PDB file of all heavy atoms in Angstrom:
ATOM      1  N   ARG A   1       0.856  -1.181   0.000  1.00  0.00           N
ATOM      2  CA  ARG A   1       0.000   0.000   0.000  1.00  0.00           C
ATOM      3  C   ARG A   1       0.893   1.232   0.000  1.00  0.00           C
ATOM      4  O   ARG A   1       1.769   1.370   0.848  1.00  0.00           O
ATOM      5  CB  ARG A   1      -0.904  -0.001   1.250  1.00  0.00           C
ATOM      6  CG  ARG A   1      -1.662  -1.302   1.436  1.00  0.00           C
ATOM      7  CD  ARG A   1      -2.452  -1.312   2.733  1.00  0.00           C
ATOM      8  NE  ARG A   1      -3.074  -2.617   2.944  1.00  0.00           N
ATOM      9  CZ  ARG A   1      -4.238  -2.803   3.561  1.00  0.00           C
ATOM     10  NH1 ARG A   1      -4.911  -1.765   4.041  1.00  0.00           N
ATOM     11  NH2 ARG A   1      -4.734  -4.012   3.708  1.00  0.00           N
ATOM     12  N   LEU A   2       0.669   2.121  -0.944  1.00  0.00           N
ATOM     13  CA  LEU A   2       1.539   3.283  -1.119  1.00  0.00           C
ATOM     14  C   LEU A   2       0.771   4.560  -0.808  1.00  0.00           C
ATOM     15  O   LEU A   2      -0.342   4.775  -1.299  1.00  0.00           O
ATOM     16  CB  LEU A   2       2.067   3.318  -2.553  1.00  0.00           C
ATOM     17  CG  LEU A   2       3.171   4.330  -2.862  1.00  0.00           C
ATOM     18  CD1 LEU A   2       4.426   4.030  -2.050  1.00  0.00           C
ATOM     19  CD2 LEU A   2       3.495   4.302  -4.357  1.00  0.00           C
ATOM     20  N   ARG A   3       1.375   5.412   0.011  1.00  0.00           N
ATOM     21  CA  ARG A   3       0.780   6.685   0.396  1.00  0.00           C
ATOM     22  C   ARG A   3       1.840   7.776   0.297  1.00  0.00           C
ATOM     23  O   ARG A   3       3.030   7.503   0.423  1.00  0.00           O
ATOM     24  CB  ARG A   3       0.237   6.642   1.828  1.00  0.00           C
ATOM     25  CG  ARG A   3      -0.866   5.621   2.093  1.00  0.00           C
ATOM     26  CD  ARG A   3      -1.168   5.578   3.590  1.00  0.00           C
ATOM     27  NE  ARG A   3      -2.342   4.789   3.937  1.00  0.00           N
ATOM     28  CZ  ARG A   3      -2.318   3.487   4.211  1.00  0.00           C
ATOM     29  NH1 ARG A   3      -1.162   2.832   4.163  1.00  0.00           N
ATOM     30  NH2 ARG A   3      -3.429   2.844   4.545  1.00  0.00           N
ATOM     31  N   GLY A   4       1.402   9.015   0.156  1.00  0.00           N
ATOM     32  CA  GLY A   4       2.319  10.146   0.179  1.00  0.00           C
ATOM     33  C   GLY A   4       2.741  10.601  -1.200  1.00  0.00           C
ATOM     34  O   GLY A   4       2.581   9.893  -2.195  1.00  0.00           O
ATOM     35  N   ALA A   5       3.306  11.790  -1.250  1.00  0.00           N
ATOM     36  CA  ALA A   5       3.660  12.433  -2.514  1.00  0.00           C
ATOM     37  C   ALA A   5       4.922  11.832  -3.111  1.00  0.00           C
ATOM     38  O   ALA A   5       5.884  11.517  -2.400  1.00  0.00           O
ATOM     39  CB  ALA A   5       3.846  13.933  -2.295  1.00  0.00           C
ATOM     40  N   ALA A   6       4.918  11.686  -4.425  1.00  0.00           N
ATOM     41  CA  ALA A   6       6.125  11.252  -5.123  1.00  0.00           C
ATOM     42  C   ALA A   6       7.226  12.273  -4.899  1.00  0.00           C
ATOM     43  O   ALA A   6       6.984  13.483  -4.885  1.00  0.00           O
ATOM     44  CB  ALA A   6       5.830  11.098  -6.613  1.00  0.00           C
ATOM     45  N   GLY A   7       8.432  11.801  -4.701  1.00  0.00           N
ATOM     46  CA  GLY A   7       9.563  12.682  -4.456  1.00  0.00           C
ATOM     47  C   GLY A   7       9.841  12.950  -3.005  1.00  0.00           C
ATOM     48  O   GLY A   7      10.933  13.432  -2.654  1.00  0.00           O
ATOM     49  N   ALA A   8       8.877  12.645  -2.119  1.00  0.00           N
ATOM     50  CA  ALA A   8       9.105  12.825  -0.681  1.00  0.00           C
ATOM     51  C   ALA A   8      10.029  11.722  -0.173  1.00  0.00           C
ATOM     52  O   ALA A   8      10.131  10.653  -0.779  1.00  0.00           O
ATOM     53  CB  ALA A   8       7.776  12.793   0.069  1.00  0.00           C
ATOM     54  N   PRO A   9      10.737  11.953   0.924  1.00  0.00           N
ATOM     55  CA  PRO A   9      11.600  10.893   1.486  1.00  0.00           C
ATOM     56  C   PRO A   9      10.795   9.624   1.738  1.00  0.00           C
ATOM     57  O   PRO A   9       9.620   9.678   2.111  1.00  0.00           O
ATOM     58  CB  PRO A   9      12.100  11.509   2.792  1.00  0.00           C
ATOM     59  CG  PRO A   9      11.959  12.986   2.603  1.00  0.00           C
ATOM     60  CD  PRO A   9      10.758  13.183   1.729  1.00  0.00           C
ATOM     61  N   GLY A  10      11.424   8.474   1.557  1.00  0.00           N
ATOM     62  CA  GLY A  10      10.718   7.207   1.629  1.00  0.00           C
ATOM     63  C   GLY A  10      10.755   6.533   2.990  1.00  0.00           C
ATOM     64  O   GLY A  10      11.719   6.661   3.743  1.00  0.00           O
ATOM     65  N   ILE A  11       9.670   5.808   3.292  1.00  0.00           N
ATOM     66  CA  ILE A  11       9.586   4.934   4.459  1.00  0.00           C
ATOM     67  C   ILE A  11       8.944   3.628   3.996  1.00  0.00           C
ATOM     68  O   ILE A  11       7.941   3.637   3.287  1.00  0.00           O
ATOM     69  CB  ILE A  11       8.735   5.543   5.592  1.00  0.00           C
ATOM     70  CG1 ILE A  11       9.403   6.792   6.172  1.00  0.00           C
ATOM     71  CG2 ILE A  11       8.500   4.525   6.699  1.00  0.00           C
ATOM     72  CD1 ILE A  11       8.581   7.476   7.266  1.00  0.00           C
ATOM     73  N   VAL A  12       9.521   2.492   4.400  1.00  0.00           N
ATOM     74  CA  VAL A  12       8.938   1.183   4.129  1.00  0.00           C
ATOM     75  C   VAL A  12       8.589   0.532   5.459  1.00  0.00           C
ATOM     76  O   VAL A  12       9.426   0.471   6.370  1.00  0.00           O
ATOM     77  CB  VAL A  12       9.893   0.285   3.319  1.00  0.00           C
ATOM     78  CG1 VAL A  12       9.305  -1.108   3.146  1.00  0.00           C
ATOM     79  CG2 VAL A  12      10.184   0.904   1.958  1.00  0.00           C
ATOM     80  N   LEU A  13       7.353   0.037   5.577  1.00  0.00           N
ATOM     81  CA  LEU A  13       6.835  -0.539   6.808  1.00  0.00           C
ATOM     82  C   LEU A  13       6.611  -2.035   6.631  1.00  0.00           C
ATOM     83  O   LEU A  13       5.932  -2.462   5.688  1.00  0.00           O
ATOM     84  CB  LEU A  13       5.514   0.139   7.195  1.00  0.00           C
ATOM     85  CG  LEU A  13       5.561   1.670   7.340  1.00  0.00           C
ATOM     86  CD1 LEU A  13       4.154   2.227   7.515  1.00  0.00           C
ATOM     87  CD2 LEU A  13       6.451   2.064   8.510  1.00  0.00           C
ATOM     88  N   CYS A  14       7.166  -2.840   7.538  1.00  0.00           N
ATOM     89  CA  CYS A  14       7.095  -4.294   7.451  1.00  0.00           C
ATOM     90  C   CYS A  14       6.383  -4.862   8.686  1.00  0.00           C
ATOM     91  O   CYS A  14       6.782  -4.585   9.813  1.00  0.00           O
ATOM     92  CB  CYS A  14       8.490  -4.895   7.346  1.00  0.00           C
ATOM     93  SG  CYS A  14       9.454  -4.277   5.945  1.00  0.00           S
ATOM     94  N   HIS A  15       5.357  -5.660   8.457  1.00  0.00           N
ATOM     95  CA  HIS A  15       4.556  -6.219   9.544  1.00  0.00           C
ATOM     96  C   HIS A  15       5.217  -7.443  10.174  1.00  0.00           C
ATOM     97  O   HIS A  15       6.234  -7.946   9.688  1.00  0.00           O
ATOM     98  CB  HIS A  15       3.162  -6.589   9.021  1.00  0.00           C
ATOM     99  CG  HIS A  15       3.193  -7.640   7.941  1.00  0.00           C
ATOM    100  ND1 HIS A  15       3.420  -8.976   8.199  1.00  0.00           N
ATOM    101  CD2 HIS A  15       3.039  -7.550   6.587  1.00  0.00           C
ATOM    102  CE1 HIS A  15       3.386  -9.660   7.082  1.00  0.00           C
ATOM    103  NE2 HIS A  15       3.175  -8.825   6.079  1.00  0.00           N
ATOM    104  N   GLY A  16       4.615  -7.945  11.238  1.00  0.00           N
ATOM    105  CA  GLY A  16       5.129  -9.111  11.937  1.00  0.00           C
ATOM    106  C   GLY A  16       4.630 -10.419  11.346  1.00  0.00           C
ATOM    107  O   GLY A  16       3.882 -10.441  10.361  1.00  0.00           O
ATOM    108  N   ASN A  17       5.025 -11.524  11.981  1.00  0.00           N
ATOM    109  CA  ASN A  17       4.616 -12.846  11.520  1.00  0.00           C
ATOM    110  C   ASN A  17       3.109 -13.018  11.639  1.00  0.00           C
ATOM    111  O   ASN A  17       2.487 -12.569  12.603  1.00  0.00           O
ATOM    112  CB  ASN A  17       5.323 -13.924  12.352  1.00  0.00           C
ATOM    113  CG  ASN A  17       4.852 -15.317  11.991  1.00  0.00           C
ATOM    114  OD1 ASN A  17       4.749 -15.663  10.816  1.00  0.00           O
ATOM    115  ND2 ASN A  17       4.569 -16.120  13.000  1.00  0.00           N
ATOM    116  N   ALA A  18       2.529 -13.662  10.634  1.00  0.00           N
ATOM    117  CA  ALA A  18       1.097 -13.950  10.620  1.00  0.00           C
ATOM    118  C   ALA A  18       0.253 -12.678  10.688  1.00  0.00           C
ATOM    119  O   ALA A  18      -0.880 -12.688  11.170  1.00  0.00           O
ATOM    120  CB  ALA A  18       0.721 -14.893  11.768  1.00  0.00           C
ATOM    121  N   ALA A  19       0.805 -11.580  10.192  1.00  0.00           N
ATOM    122  CA  ALA A  19       0.081 -10.302  10.180  1.00  0.00           C
ATOM    123  C   ALA A  19      -0.092  -9.835   8.734  1.00  0.00           C
ATOM    124  O   ALA A  19       0.012 -10.626   7.796  1.00  0.00           O
ATOM    125  CB  ALA A  19       0.825  -9.264  11.019  1.00  0.00           C
ATOM    126  N   HIS A  20      -0.328  -8.549   8.537  1.00  0.00           N
ATOM    127  CA  HIS A  20      -0.562  -8.027   7.193  1.00  0.00           C
ATOM    128  C   HIS A  20      -0.350  -6.520   7.208  1.00  0.00           C
ATOM    129  O   HIS A  20      -0.226  -5.895   8.272  1.00  0.00           O
ATOM    130  CB  HIS A  20      -1.971  -8.369   6.700  1.00  0.00           C
ATOM    131  CG  HIS A  20      -3.073  -7.884   7.608  1.00  0.00           C
ATOM    132  ND1 HIS A  20      -3.654  -6.652   7.489  1.00  0.00           N
ATOM    133  CD2 HIS A  20      -3.674  -8.480   8.680  1.00  0.00           C
ATOM    134  CE1 HIS A  20      -4.584  -6.504   8.420  1.00  0.00           C
ATOM    135  NE2 HIS A  20      -4.613  -7.596   9.164  1.00  0.00           N
ATOM    136  N   SER A  21      -0.319  -5.921   6.014  1.00  0.00           N
ATOM    137  CA  SER A  21       0.004  -4.495   5.899  1.00  0.00           C
ATOM    138  C   SER A  21      -1.021  -3.590   6.559  1.00  0.00           C
ATOM    139  O   SER A  21      -0.718  -2.437   6.885  1.00  0.00           O
ATOM    140  CB  SER A  21       0.149  -4.107   4.422  1.00  0.00           C
ATOM    141  OG  SER A  21      -1.024  -4.437   3.688  1.00  0.00           O
ATOM    142  N   GLY A  22      -2.243  -4.092   6.774  1.00  0.00           N
ATOM    143  CA  GLY A  22      -3.273  -3.284   7.424  1.00  0.00           C
ATOM    144  C   GLY A  22      -2.942  -2.900   8.850  1.00  0.00           C
ATOM    145  O   GLY A  22      -3.546  -1.979   9.406  1.00  0.00           O
ATOM    146  N   TRP A  23      -1.953  -3.586   9.450  1.00  0.00           N
ATOM    147  CA  TRP A  23      -1.520  -3.210  10.800  1.00  0.00           C
ATOM    148  C   TRP A  23      -0.959  -1.785  10.822  1.00  0.00           C
ATOM    149  O   TRP A  23      -0.879  -1.160  11.882  1.00  0.00           O
ATOM    150  CB  TRP A  23      -0.454  -4.173  11.299  1.00  0.00           C
ATOM    151  CG  TRP A  23      -0.960  -5.491  11.787  1.00  0.00           C
ATOM    152  CD1 TRP A  23      -1.691  -6.416  11.084  1.00  0.00           C
ATOM    153  CD2 TRP A  23      -0.771  -6.048  13.094  1.00  0.00           C
ATOM    154  NE1 TRP A  23      -1.955  -7.513  11.869  1.00  0.00           N
ATOM    155  CE2 TRP A  23      -1.396  -7.325  13.099  1.00  0.00           C
ATOM    156  CE3 TRP A  23      -0.104  -5.618  14.241  1.00  0.00           C
ATOM    157  CZ2 TRP A  23      -1.399  -8.150  14.218  1.00  0.00           C
ATOM    158  CZ3 TRP A  23      -0.095  -6.442  15.352  1.00  0.00           C
ATOM    159  CH2 TRP A  23      -0.742  -7.683  15.346  1.00  0.00           C
ATOM    160  N   TRP A  24      -0.550  -1.288   9.672  1.00  0.00           N
ATOM    161  CA  TRP A  24       0.030   0.052   9.590  1.00  0.00           C
ATOM    162  C   TRP A  24      -0.985   1.092   9.107  1.00  0.00           C
ATOM    163  O   TRP A  24      -0.622   2.264   8.960  1.00  0.00           O
ATOM    164  CB  TRP A  24       1.226   0.047   8.650  1.00  0.00           C
ATOM    165  CG  TRP A  24       2.355  -0.814   9.071  1.00  0.00           C
ATOM    166  CD1 TRP A  24       2.652  -2.067   8.607  1.00  0.00           C
ATOM    167  CD2 TRP A  24       3.367  -0.514  10.046  1.00  0.00           C
ATOM    168  NE1 TRP A  24       3.771  -2.557   9.230  1.00  0.00           N
ATOM    169  CE2 TRP A  24       4.233  -1.631  10.113  1.00  0.00           C
ATOM    170  CE3 TRP A  24       3.623   0.595  10.862  1.00  0.00           C
ATOM    171  CZ2 TRP A  24       5.337  -1.670  10.969  1.00  0.00           C
ATOM    172  CZ3 TRP A  24       4.723   0.551  11.712  1.00  0.00           C
ATOM    173  CH2 TRP A  24       5.555  -0.558  11.762  1.00  0.00           C
ATOM    174  N   ASP A  25      -2.243   0.701   8.873  1.00  0.00           N
ATOM    175  CA  ASP A  25      -3.217   1.625   8.283  1.00  0.00           C
ATOM    176  C   ASP A  25      -3.480   2.852   9.142  1.00  0.00           C
ATOM    177  O   ASP A  25      -3.871   3.905   8.622  1.00  0.00           O
ATOM    178  CB  ASP A  25      -4.550   0.904   8.017  1.00  0.00           C
ATOM    179  CG  ASP A  25      -4.536   0.107   6.731  1.00  0.00           C
ATOM    180  OD1 ASP A  25      -3.539   0.181   5.988  1.00  0.00           O
ATOM    181  OD2 ASP A  25      -5.537  -0.598   6.464  1.00  0.00           O
ATOM    182  N   PHE A  26      -3.310   2.735  10.450  1.00  0.00           N
ATOM    183  CA  PHE A  26      -3.566   3.870  11.331  1.00  0.00           C
ATOM    184  C   PHE A  26      -2.270   4.566  11.726  1.00  0.00           C
ATOM    185  O   PHE A  26      -2.284   5.519  12.492  1.00  0.00           O
ATOM    186  CB  PHE A  26      -4.345   3.433  12.576  1.00  0.00           C
ATOM    187  CG  PHE A  26      -3.901   2.118  13.151  1.00  0.00           C
ATOM    188  CD1 PHE A  26      -2.954   2.055  14.151  1.00  0.00           C
ATOM    189  CD2 PHE A  26      -4.443   0.931  12.668  1.00  0.00           C
ATOM    190  CE1 PHE A  26      -2.550   0.850  14.675  1.00  0.00           C
ATOM    191  CE2 PHE A  26      -4.043  -0.294  13.188  1.00  0.00           C
ATOM    192  CZ  PHE A  26      -3.090  -0.334  14.184  1.00  0.00           C
ATOM    193  N   ILE A  27      -1.128   4.080  11.199  1.00  0.00           N
ATOM    194  CA  ILE A  27       0.174   4.694  11.423  1.00  0.00           C
ATOM    195  C   ILE A  27       0.636   5.430  10.164  1.00  0.00           C
ATOM    196  O   ILE A  27       1.085   6.580  10.211  1.00  0.00           O
ATOM    197  CB  ILE A  27       1.226   3.630  11.814  1.00  0.00           C
ATOM    198  CG1 ILE A  27       0.760   2.808  13.027  1.00  0.00           C
ATOM    199  CG2 ILE A  27       2.574   4.280  12.058  1.00  0.00           C
ATOM    200  CD1 ILE A  27       0.649   3.583  14.296  1.00  0.00           C
ATOM    201  N   ALA A  28       0.518   4.759   9.020  1.00  0.00           N
ATOM    202  CA  ALA A  28       1.069   5.262   7.760  1.00  0.00           C
ATOM    203  C   ALA A  28       0.512   6.612   7.308  1.00  0.00           C
ATOM    204  O   ALA A  28       1.278   7.445   6.810  1.00  0.00           O
ATOM    205  CB  ALA A  28       0.867   4.219   6.656  1.00  0.00           C
ATOM    206  N   PRO A  29      -0.802   6.891   7.443  1.00  0.00           N
ATOM    207  CA  PRO A  29      -1.298   8.186   6.948  1.00  0.00           C
ATOM    208  C   PRO A  29      -0.630   9.389   7.595  1.00  0.00           C
ATOM    209  O   PRO A  29      -0.356  10.389   6.921  1.00  0.00           O
ATOM    210  CB  PRO A  29      -2.798   8.127   7.273  1.00  0.00           C
ATOM    211  CG  PRO A  29      -3.124   6.677   7.243  1.00  0.00           C
ATOM    212  CD  PRO A  29      -1.917   6.006   7.843  1.00  0.00           C
ATOM    213  N   ALA A  30      -0.337   9.314   8.881  1.00  0.00           N
ATOM    214  CA  ALA A  30       0.337  10.432   9.543  1.00  0.00           C
ATOM    215  C   ALA A  30       1.752  10.593   9.007  1.00  0.00           C
ATOM    216  O   ALA A  30       2.232  11.716   8.812  1.00  0.00           O
ATOM    217  CB  ALA A  30       0.354  10.212  11.054  1.00  0.00           C
ATOM    218  N   LEU A  31       2.440   9.482   8.745  1.00  0.00           N
ATOM    219  CA  LEU A  31       3.795   9.545   8.209  1.00  0.00           C
ATOM    220  C   LEU A  31       3.781  10.064   6.772  1.00  0.00           C
ATOM    221  O   LEU A  31       4.733  10.724   6.334  1.00  0.00           O
ATOM    222  CB  LEU A  31       4.443   8.157   8.246  1.00  0.00           C
ATOM    223  CG  LEU A  31       4.456   7.441   9.610  1.00  0.00           C
ATOM    224  CD1 LEU A  31       5.116   6.078   9.472  1.00  0.00           C
ATOM    225  CD2 LEU A  31       5.164   8.296  10.648  1.00  0.00           C
ATOM    226  N   ALA A  32       2.697   9.768   6.046  1.00  0.00           N
ATOM    227  CA  ALA A  32       2.599  10.173   4.641  1.00  0.00           C
ATOM    228  C   ALA A  32       2.380  11.666   4.461  1.00  0.00           C
ATOM    229  O   ALA A  32       2.433  12.167   3.335  1.00  0.00           O
ATOM    230  CB  ALA A  32       1.468   9.399   3.963  1.00  0.00           C
ATOM    231  N   GLU A  33       2.167  12.380   5.556  1.00  0.00           N
ATOM    232  CA  GLU A  33       2.062  13.837   5.447  1.00  0.00           C
ATOM    233  C   GLU A  33       3.385  14.451   5.016  1.00  0.00           C
ATOM    234  O   GLU A  33       3.418  15.516   4.405  1.00  0.00           O
ATOM    235  CB  GLU A  33       1.611  14.422   6.787  1.00  0.00           C
ATOM    236  CG  GLU A  33       0.187  14.024   7.178  1.00  0.00           C
ATOM    237  CD  GLU A  33      -0.164  14.483   8.590  1.00  0.00           C
ATOM    238  OE1 GLU A  33       0.668  15.199   9.201  1.00  0.00           O
ATOM    239  OE2 GLU A  33      -1.258  14.133   9.076  1.00  0.00           O
ATOM    240  N   THR A  34       4.484  13.767   5.321  1.00  0.00           N
ATOM    241  CA  THR A  34       5.814  14.297   4.982  1.00  0.00           C
ATOM    242  C   THR A  34       6.669  13.302   4.203  1.00  0.00           C
ATOM    243  O   THR A  34       7.751  13.661   3.755  1.00  0.00           O
ATOM    244  CB  THR A  34       6.581  14.666   6.271  1.00  0.00           C
ATOM    245  OG1 THR A  34       6.601  13.525   7.151  1.00  0.00           O
ATOM    246  CG2 THR A  34       5.911  15.840   6.976  1.00  0.00           C
ATOM    247  N   HIS A  35       6.189  12.045   4.046  1.00  0.00           N
ATOM    248  CA  HIS A  35       6.991  11.002   3.428  1.00  0.00           C
ATOM    249  C   HIS A  35       6.182  10.205   2.403  1.00  0.00           C
ATOM    250  O   HIS A  35       4.952  10.239   2.400  1.00  0.00           O
ATOM    251  CB  HIS A  35       7.549  10.043   4.485  1.00  0.00           C
ATOM    252  CG  HIS A  35       8.644  10.630   5.321  1.00  0.00           C
ATOM    253  ND1 HIS A  35       8.419  11.593   6.285  1.00  0.00           N
ATOM    254  CD2 HIS A  35       9.989  10.397   5.339  1.00  0.00           C
ATOM    255  CE1 HIS A  35       9.565  11.927   6.863  1.00  0.00           C
ATOM    256  NE2 HIS A  35      10.528  11.221   6.305  1.00  0.00           N
ATOM    257  N   ARG A  36       6.893   9.510   1.536  1.00  0.00           N
ATOM    258  CA  ARG A  36       6.320   8.522   0.629  1.00  0.00           C
ATOM    259  C   ARG A  36       6.399   7.190   1.362  1.00  0.00           C
ATOM    260  O   ARG A  36       7.495   6.710   1.656  1.00  0.00           O
ATOM    261  CB  ARG A  36       7.146   8.489  -0.662  1.00  0.00           C
ATOM    262  CG  ARG A  36       6.637   7.532  -1.728  1.00  0.00           C
ATOM    263  CD  ARG A  36       5.586   8.189  -2.558  1.00  0.00           C
ATOM    264  NE  ARG A  36       5.472   7.572  -3.872  1.00  0.00           N
ATOM    265  CZ  ARG A  36       4.404   7.705  -4.636  1.00  0.00           C
ATOM    266  NH1 ARG A  36       3.363   8.423  -4.222  1.00  0.00           N
ATOM    267  NH2 ARG A  36       4.348   7.141  -5.838  1.00  0.00           N
ATOM    268  N   VAL A  37       5.245   6.584   1.695  1.00  0.00           N
ATOM    269  CA  VAL A  37       5.200   5.457   2.621  1.00  0.00           C
ATOM    270  C   VAL A  37       4.657   4.212   1.929  1.00  0.00           C
ATOM    271  O   VAL A  37       3.552   4.228   1.367  1.00  0.00           O
ATOM    272  CB  VAL A  37       4.329   5.791   3.846  1.00  0.00           C
ATOM    273  CG1 VAL A  37       4.333   4.631   4.834  1.00  0.00           C
ATOM    274  CG2 VAL A  37       4.828   7.067   4.525  1.00  0.00           C
ATOM    275  N   ALA A  38       5.425   3.127   1.983  1.00  0.00           N
ATOM    276  CA  ALA A  38       5.000   1.836   1.439  1.00  0.00           C
ATOM    277  C   ALA A  38       4.854   0.845   2.588  1.00  0.00           C
ATOM    278  O   ALA A  38       5.819   0.574   3.300  1.00  0.00           O
ATOM    279  CB  ALA A  38       6.014   1.319   0.426  1.00  0.00           C
ATOM    280  N   ALA A  39       3.630   0.321   2.779  1.00  0.00           N
ATOM    281  CA  ALA A  39       3.384  -0.727   3.778  1.00  0.00           C
ATOM    282  C   ALA A  39       3.146  -2.031   3.033  1.00  0.00           C
ATOM    283  O   ALA A  39       2.196  -2.141   2.256  1.00  0.00           O
ATOM    284  CB  ALA A  39       2.176  -0.364   4.641  1.00  0.00           C
ATOM    285  N   MET A  40       3.992  -3.022   3.247  1.00  0.00           N
ATOM    286  CA  MET A  40       4.010  -4.221   2.410  1.00  0.00           C
ATOM    287  C   MET A  40       3.456  -5.450   3.115  1.00  0.00           C
ATOM    288  O   MET A  40       3.363  -5.510   4.341  1.00  0.00           O
ATOM    289  CB  MET A  40       5.435  -4.506   1.954  1.00  0.00           C
ATOM    290  CG  MET A  40       6.405  -4.753   3.106  1.00  0.00           C
ATOM    291  SD  MET A  40       8.025  -5.306   2.530  1.00  0.00           S
ATOM    292  CE  MET A  40       7.615  -6.976   2.004  1.00  0.00           C
ATOM    293  N   ASP A  41       3.061  -6.434   2.297  1.00  0.00           N
ATOM    294  CA  ASP A  41       2.691  -7.764   2.767  1.00  0.00           C
ATOM    295  C   ASP A  41       3.788  -8.742   2.355  1.00  0.00           C
ATOM    296  O   ASP A  41       4.122  -8.841   1.169  1.00  0.00           O
ATOM    297  CB  ASP A  41       1.375  -8.231   2.130  1.00  0.00           C
ATOM    298  CG  ASP A  41       0.162  -7.477   2.627  1.00  0.00           C
ATOM    299  OD1 ASP A  41       0.071  -7.249   3.836  1.00  0.00           O
ATOM    300  OD2 ASP A  41      -0.696  -7.123   1.804  1.00  0.00           O
ATOM    301  N   PHE A  42       4.354  -9.478   3.294  1.00  0.00           N
ATOM    302  CA  PHE A  42       5.312 -10.511   2.947  1.00  0.00           C
ATOM    303  C   PHE A  42       4.622 -11.624   2.166  1.00  0.00           C
ATOM    304  O   PHE A  42       3.401 -11.809   2.260  1.00  0.00           O
ATOM    305  CB  PHE A  42       5.961 -11.095   4.205  1.00  0.00           C
ATOM    306  CG  PHE A  42       6.967 -10.192   4.856  1.00  0.00           C
ATOM    307  CD1 PHE A  42       6.697  -9.567   6.068  1.00  0.00           C
ATOM    308  CD2 PHE A  42       8.193  -9.962   4.253  1.00  0.00           C
ATOM    309  CE1 PHE A  42       7.629  -8.740   6.668  1.00  0.00           C
ATOM    310  CE2 PHE A  42       9.141  -9.132   4.844  1.00  0.00           C
ATOM    311  CZ  PHE A  42       8.854  -8.518   6.054  1.00  0.00           C
ATOM    312  N   ALA A  43       5.389 -12.383   1.398  1.00  0.00           N
ATOM    313  CA  ALA A  43       4.847 -13.498   0.628  1.00  0.00           C
ATOM    314  C   ALA A  43       4.080 -14.455   1.540  1.00  0.00           C
ATOM    315  O   ALA A  43       4.542 -14.810   2.627  1.00  0.00           O
ATOM    316  CB  ALA A  43       5.974 -14.250  -0.076  1.00  0.00           C
ATOM    317  N   GLY A  44       2.875 -14.833   1.111  1.00  0.00           N
ATOM    318  CA  GLY A  44       2.059 -15.743   1.891  1.00  0.00           C
ATOM    319  C   GLY A  44       1.296 -15.097   3.022  1.00  0.00           C
ATOM    320  O   GLY A  44       0.640 -15.782   3.814  1.00  0.00           O
ATOM    321  N   MET A  45       1.363 -13.774   3.107  1.00  0.00           N
ATOM    322  CA  MET A  45       0.638 -13.035   4.141  1.00  0.00           C
ATOM    323  C   MET A  45      -0.088 -11.869   3.492  1.00  0.00           C
ATOM    324  O   MET A  45       0.289 -11.408   2.414  1.00  0.00           O
ATOM    325  CB  MET A  45       1.595 -12.549   5.231  1.00  0.00           C
ATOM    326  CG  MET A  45       2.461 -13.645   5.841  1.00  0.00           C
ATOM    327  SD  MET A  45       3.575 -13.046   7.154  1.00  0.00           S
ATOM    328  CE  MET A  45       4.842 -14.325   7.125  1.00  0.00           C
ATOM    329  N   GLY A  46      -1.128 -11.396   4.146  1.00  0.00           N
ATOM    330  CA  GLY A  46      -1.890 -10.272   3.589  1.00  0.00           C
ATOM    331  C   GLY A  46      -2.430 -10.601   2.214  1.00  0.00           C
ATOM    332  O   GLY A  46      -2.987 -11.680   1.981  1.00  0.00           O
TER     333      GLY A  46
END
């Protein structure tokens, strides 16, 4: 899931075991105010 303006400094968010990228849904939007934020799902999850 990608949020934030292109060209802004980047942040990549990685979830825990047996979890999914939605764990960052209430964290990432605030970070995306100043950064380009990618919250990912590991293979076999999310």
